C-alpha atoms as a PDB file:
ATOM      1  CA  MET A   1      19.121 -20.275  15.003  1.00  0.00           C
ATOM      2  CA  GLU A   2      16.223 -17.990  13.163  1.00  0.00           C
ATOM      3  CA  GLU A   3      14.999 -17.548  16.486  1.00  0.00           C
ATOM      4  CA  ILE A   4      17.547 -16.350  18.675  1.00  0.00           C
ATOM      5  CA  LYS A   5      17.860 -13.651  15.859  1.00  0.00           C
ATOM      6  CA  LYS A   6      14.531 -12.516  16.441  1.00  0.00           C
ATOM      7  CA  ASP A   7      14.282 -12.442  19.546  1.00  0.00           C
ATOM      8  CA  THR A   8      17.710 -10.069  19.370  1.00  0.00           C
ATOM      9  CA  ALA A   9      15.438  -7.914  17.285  1.00  0.00           C
ATOM     10  CA  GLN A  10      12.406  -8.083  19.484  1.00  0.00           C
ATOM     11  CA  LYS A  11      14.851  -7.262  22.059  1.00  0.00           C
ATOM     12  CA  SER A  12      16.055  -4.113  20.461  1.00  0.00           C
ATOM     13  CA  GLN A  13      13.447  -2.874  19.260  1.00  0.00           C
ATOM     14  CA  THR A  14      11.578  -3.032  22.503  1.00  0.00           C
ATOM     15  CA  GLU A  15      14.641  -0.657  24.158  1.00  0.00           C
ATOM     16  CA  GLU A  16      14.252   1.438  21.446  1.00  0.00           C
ATOM     17  CA  LEU A  17      10.037   2.377  22.510  1.00  0.00           C
ATOM     18  CA  LYS A  18      10.891   2.272  26.507  1.00  0.00           C
ATOM     19  CA  GLU A  19      13.486   4.839  25.950  1.00  0.00           C
ATOM     20  CA  LYS A  20      11.096   6.884  23.297  1.00  0.00           C
ATOM     21  CA  TYR A  21       8.204   6.754  25.166  1.00  0.00           C
ATOM     22  CA  GLY A  22       8.963   5.506  29.087  1.00  0.00           C
ATOM     23  CA  LYS A  23       6.996   2.303  30.078  1.00  0.00           C
ATOM     24  CA  VAL A  24       5.173   0.129  27.046  1.00  0.00           C
ATOM     25  CA  TYR A  25       2.964  -2.909  26.991  1.00  0.00           C
ATOM     26  CA  ARG A  26       3.162  -5.441  24.595  1.00  0.00           C
ATOM     27  CA  VAL A  27      -0.557  -6.980  23.728  1.00  0.00           C
ATOM     28  CA  GLY A  28      -0.105  -9.931  21.318  1.00  0.00           C
ATOM     29  CA  ALA A  29      -3.247 -11.784  20.411  1.00  0.00           C
ATOM     30  CA  THR A  30      -3.794 -14.707  18.091  1.00  0.00           C
ATOM     31  CA  ILE A  31      -7.174 -14.530  15.615  1.00  0.00           C
ATOM     32  CA  GLU A  32      -8.735 -17.778  14.113  1.00  0.00           C
ATOM     33  CA  VAL A  33      -9.626 -16.666  10.965  1.00  0.00           C
ATOM     34  CA  ASP A  34     -10.895 -19.862   9.471  1.00  0.00           C
ATOM     35  CA  ASP A  35     -10.389 -23.095  11.128  1.00  0.00           C
ATOM     36  CA  GLU A  36      -6.897 -23.714   9.379  1.00  0.00           C
ATOM     37  CA  THR A  37      -5.571 -20.680   9.650  1.00  0.00           C
ATOM     38  CA  GLU A  38      -4.416 -18.389  12.463  1.00  0.00           C
ATOM     39  CA  LYS A  39      -2.919 -14.876  11.966  1.00  0.00           C
ATOM     40  CA  ASN A  40      -0.871 -13.985  15.102  1.00  0.00           C
ATOM     41  CA  VAL A  41      -0.657 -10.289  15.502  1.00  0.00           C
ATOM     42  CA  GLU A  42       1.223  -7.832  18.176  1.00  0.00           C
ATOM     43  CA  PHE A  43       1.220  -3.985  19.111  1.00  0.00           C
ATOM     44  CA  PHE A  44       2.629  -1.606  21.496  1.00  0.00           C
ATOM     45  CA  PHE A  45       0.921   0.589  23.555  1.00  0.00           C
ATOM     46  CA  LYS A  46       1.939   3.521  26.387  1.00  0.00           C
ATOM     47  CA  ARG A  47       0.399   3.348  29.401  1.00  0.00           C
ATOM     48  CA  PRO A  48      -3.150   4.987  28.970  1.00  0.00           C
ATOM     49  CA  SER A  49      -3.913   8.165  30.698  1.00  0.00           C
ATOM     50  CA  THR A  50      -7.172   9.504  32.526  1.00  0.00           C
ATOM     51  CA  ALA A  51      -7.760  11.882  30.014  1.00  0.00           C
ATOM     52  CA  SER A  52      -7.912   9.159  27.501  1.00  0.00           C
ATOM     53  CA  TYR A  53      -9.983   6.966  29.692  1.00  0.00           C
ATOM     54  CA  ASP A  54     -12.479  10.291  30.184  1.00  0.00           C
ATOM     55  CA  ARG A  55     -12.353  10.637  26.158  1.00  0.00           C
ATOM     56  CA  TYR A  56     -13.606   7.047  25.758  1.00  0.00           C
ATOM     57  CA  VAL A  57     -16.110   6.592  27.875  1.00  0.00           C
ATOM     58  CA  LYS A  58     -17.161  10.175  26.592  1.00  0.00           C
ATOM     59  CA  THR A  59     -17.422   8.491  22.933  1.00  0.00           C
ATOM     60  CA  THR A  60     -19.096   5.133  23.453  1.00  0.00           C
ATOM     61  CA  ALA A  61     -21.503   7.141  25.085  1.00  0.00           C
ATOM     62  CA  GLN A  62     -22.027   8.649  21.171  1.00  0.00           C
ATOM     63  CA  GLY A  63     -21.838   4.727  19.926  1.00  0.00           C
ATOM     64  CA  ALA A  64     -18.227   5.254  18.716  1.00  0.00           C
ATOM     65  CA  THR A  65     -16.513   2.024  18.919  1.00  0.00           C
ATOM     66  CA  LYS A  66     -13.388   0.911  21.061  1.00  0.00           C
ATOM     67  CA  ALA A  67     -10.801   1.830  18.003  1.00  0.00           C
ATOM     68  CA  VAL A  68     -10.796   5.713  19.272  1.00  0.00           C
ATOM     69  CA  PHE A  69      -9.528   4.322  22.686  1.00  0.00           C
ATOM     70  CA  LEU A  70      -6.875   2.327  21.192  1.00  0.00           C
ATOM     71  CA  PHE A  71      -4.946   4.643  18.662  1.00  0.00           C
ATOM     72  CA  ASP A  72      -4.846   7.494  21.403  1.00  0.00           C
ATOM     73  CA  ASN A  73      -2.258   5.016  23.040  1.00  0.00           C
ATOM     74  CA  VAL A  74      -0.631   3.100  20.782  1.00  0.00           C
ATOM     75  CA  VAL A  75       3.066   4.218  20.062  1.00  0.00           C
ATOM     76  CA  GLU A  76       3.770   5.494  16.212  1.00  0.00           C
ATOM     77  CA  GLU A  77       5.516   2.679  15.326  1.00  0.00           C
ATOM     78  CA  SER A  78       2.393  -0.059  15.397  1.00  0.00           C
ATOM     79  CA  ARG A  79      -0.156   2.228  14.337  1.00  0.00           C
ATOM     80  CA  ALA A  80      -0.101   1.399  10.501  1.00  0.00           C
ATOM     81  CA  SER A  81      -0.191  -2.147  12.117  1.00  0.00           C
ATOM     82  CA  LEU A  82      -2.636  -1.658  14.100  1.00  0.00           C
ATOM     83  CA  GLU A  83      -5.707   0.054  11.686  1.00  0.00           C
ATOM     84  CA  ALA A  84      -4.968  -2.754   9.083  1.00  0.00           C
ATOM     85  CA  ASN A  85      -5.678  -5.088  11.041  1.00  0.00           C
ATOM     86  CA  LEU A  86      -8.629  -3.100  12.685  1.00  0.00           C
ATOM     87  CA  GLU A  87      -9.505  -2.768   9.049  1.00  0.00           C
ATOM     88  CA  GLU A  88      -9.860  -6.464   8.565  1.00  0.00           C
ATOM     89  CA  PHE A  89     -10.744  -7.917  11.566  1.00  0.00           C
ATOM     90  CA  PRO A  90     -12.700  -5.110  13.795  1.00  0.00           C
ATOM     91  CA  ALA A  91     -13.926  -7.465  16.973  1.00  0.00           C
ATOM     92  CA  LEU A  92     -10.216  -6.984  17.920  1.00  0.00           C
ATOM     93  CA  ALA A  93     -10.075  -3.527  18.926  1.00  0.00           C
ATOM     94  CA  LEU A  94     -12.335  -5.038  21.671  1.00  0.00           C
ATOM     95  CA  SER A  95      -9.779  -7.500  22.446  1.00  0.00           C
ATOM     96  CA  ILE A  96      -7.228  -5.112  23.037  1.00  0.00           C
ATOM     97  CA  GLY A  97      -9.206  -2.629  24.189  1.00  0.00           C
ATOM     98  CA  GLU A  98      -9.961  -4.959  27.424  1.00  0.00           C
ATOM     99  CA  LYS A  99      -6.849  -5.592  28.376  1.00  0.00           C
ATOM    100  CA  LEU A 100      -5.827  -1.642  28.172  1.00  0.00           C
ATOM    101  CA  LEU A 101      -8.556  -0.973  30.238  1.00  0.00           C
ATOM    102  CA  GLY A 102      -7.181  -3.451  32.350  1.00  0.00           C
ATOM    103  CA  MET A 103      -4.899  -1.306  33.532  1.00  0.00           C
ATOM    104  CA  LEU A 104      -6.583   0.930  34.339  1.00  0.00           C
ATOM    105  CA  GLY A 105      -8.946  -0.603  36.952  1.00  0.00           C
ATOM    106  CA  LEU A 106     -11.252  -2.775  35.040  1.00  0.00           C
ATOM    107  CA  SER A 107     -11.848  -5.991  36.783  1.00  0.00           C
ATOM    108  CA  LYS A 108     -12.759  -8.896  35.065  1.00  0.00           C
ATOM    109  CA  GLN A 109     -14.000 -10.512  38.467  1.00  0.00           C
ATOM    110  CA  THR A 110     -16.356  -7.822  40.689  1.00  0.00           C
ATOM    111  CA  ASN A 111     -18.303  -9.528  43.389  1.00  0.00           C
ATOM    112  CA  LEU A 112     -21.138  -7.901  44.980  1.00  0.00           C
ATOM    113  CA  LYS A 113     -23.254  -9.093  48.344  1.00  0.00           C
ATOM    114  CA  MET A 114     -26.259  -8.279  50.398  1.00  0.00           C
ATOM    115  CA  LEU A 115     -25.437  -7.922  53.223  1.00  0.00           C
END
Protein backbone atom coordinates (compact mmCIF):
# COMPACT_ATOMS: atom_id res chain seq x y z
CA MET A 1 0.00 0.00 0.00
CA GLU A 2 2.86 2.36 0.89
CA GLU A 3 4.47 1.69 -2.49
CA ILE A 4 1.26 2.57 -4.36
CA LYS A 5 1.10 5.94 -2.55
CA LYS A 6 4.74 6.60 -3.43
CA ASP A 7 4.15 5.75 -7.11
CA THR A 8 1.10 8.04 -7.24
CA ALA A 9 3.02 10.90 -5.61
CA GLN A 10 5.92 10.34 -8.02
CA LYS A 11 3.58 10.48 -11.03
CA SER A 12 1.94 13.71 -9.89
CA GLN A 13 5.33 15.31 -9.21
CA THR A 14 6.54 14.20 -12.63
CA GLU A 15 3.43 15.62 -14.30
CA GLU A 16 3.91 18.95 -12.52
CA LEU A 17 7.53 19.13 -13.66
CA LYS A 18 6.55 18.28 -17.25
CA GLU A 19 3.97 21.06 -17.27
CA LYS A 20 6.51 23.55 -15.96
CA TYR A 21 9.65 22.53 -17.94
CA GLY A 22 8.45 20.43 -20.89
CA LYS A 23 10.62 17.35 -21.28
CA VAL A 24 12.08 16.35 -17.92
CA TYR A 25 14.50 13.53 -17.19
CA ARG A 26 14.89 11.62 -13.93
CA VAL A 27 18.43 10.62 -13.01
CA GLY A 28 18.69 8.09 -10.21
CA ALA A 29 21.85 6.77 -8.59
CA THR A 30 22.77 4.34 -5.85
CA ILE A 31 25.74 5.51 -3.80
CA GLU A 32 27.70 3.00 -1.74
CA VAL A 33 28.36 4.98 1.42
CA ASP A 34 30.31 2.09 2.92
CA ASP A 35 30.34 -1.72 2.68
CA GLU A 36 27.02 -1.99 4.50
CA THR A 37 25.16 1.17 3.50
CA GLU A 38 23.69 2.34 0.23
CA LYS A 39 21.95 5.62 -0.46
CA ASN A 40 19.50 6.06 -3.33
CA VAL A 41 19.19 9.55 -4.78
CA GLU A 42 17.20 11.01 -7.65
CA PHE A 43 17.16 14.35 -9.37
CA PHE A 44 15.22 15.85 -12.26
CA PHE A 45 16.87 17.63 -15.16
CA LYS A 46 15.90 19.50 -18.30
CA ARG A 47 17.55 18.39 -21.54
CA PRO A 48 20.92 20.16 -21.74
CA SER A 49 21.12 22.87 -24.37
CA THR A 50 24.01 23.47 -26.74
CA ALA A 51 24.77 26.71 -24.87
CA SER A 52 25.00 24.76 -21.61
CA TYR A 53 27.38 22.29 -23.24
CA ASP A 54 29.51 25.16 -24.59
CA ARG A 55 29.78 26.64 -21.07
CA TYR A 56 30.71 23.20 -19.74
CA VAL A 57 33.53 22.82 -22.28
CA LYS A 58 34.81 26.32 -21.52
CA THR A 59 34.77 25.88 -17.73
CA THR A 60 36.27 22.39 -17.92
CA ALA A 61 39.25 23.82 -19.79
CA GLN A 62 39.72 26.18 -16.83
CA GLY A 63 39.69 23.30 -14.32
CA ALA A 64 36.11 23.63 -13.07
CA THR A 65 34.03 20.59 -12.19
CA LYS A 66 31.06 19.05 -13.95
CA ALA A 67 28.86 20.52 -11.24
CA VAL A 68 28.52 23.73 -13.29
CA PHE A 69 26.96 21.69 -16.10
CA LEU A 70 24.62 19.96 -13.65
CA PHE A 71 23.41 23.20 -12.08
CA ASP A 72 22.77 24.62 -15.55
CA ASN A 73 20.27 21.86 -16.22
CA VAL A 74 18.78 20.73 -12.91
CA VAL A 75 15.17 21.75 -12.30
CA GLU A 76 14.73 24.21 -9.44
CA GLU A 77 12.84 21.62 -7.37
CA SER A 78 15.92 19.32 -7.30
CA ARG A 79 18.62 21.98 -6.89
CA ALA A 80 18.91 21.97 -3.07
CA SER A 81 19.03 18.18 -2.91
CA LEU A 82 21.68 18.07 -5.65
CA GLU A 83 23.80 20.68 -3.86
CA ALA A 84 23.62 18.77 -0.58
CA ASN A 85 24.47 15.44 -2.17
CA LEU A 86 27.37 16.88 -4.18
CA GLU A 87 28.74 18.39 -0.99
CA GLU A 88 28.79 14.94 0.61
CA PHE A 89 29.56 12.91 -2.54
CA PRO A 90 31.49 15.12 -5.03
CA ALA A 91 32.16 12.24 -7.47
CA LEU A 92 28.42 12.00 -8.04
CA ALA A 93 28.87 14.90 -10.47
CA LEU A 94 30.83 12.61 -12.79
CA SER A 95 28.13 9.96 -12.87
CA ILE A 96 25.27 12.36 -13.47
CA GLY A 97 27.24 14.51 -15.90
CA GLU A 98 28.01 11.46 -18.01
CA LYS A 99 24.30 10.67 -18.34
CA LEU A 100 23.46 14.25 -19.33
CA LEU A 101 26.33 14.38 -21.83
CA GLY A 102 25.04 11.12 -23.31
CA MET A 103 21.86 12.97 -24.27
CA LEU A 104 24.03 15.33 -26.32
CA GLY A 105 25.82 12.54 -28.16
CA LEU A 106 28.59 11.38 -25.83
CA SER A 107 28.93 7.70 -26.67
CA LYS A 108 30.29 4.95 -24.47
CA GLN A 109 31.30 3.03 -27.57
CA THR A 110 32.96 4.79 -30.43
CA ASN A 111 34.97 2.82 -32.95
CA LEU A 112 37.99 3.87 -34.96
CA LYS A 113 39.51 1.69 -37.63
CA MET A 114 42.49 2.49 -39.79
CA LEU A 115 41.69 1.71 -43.42
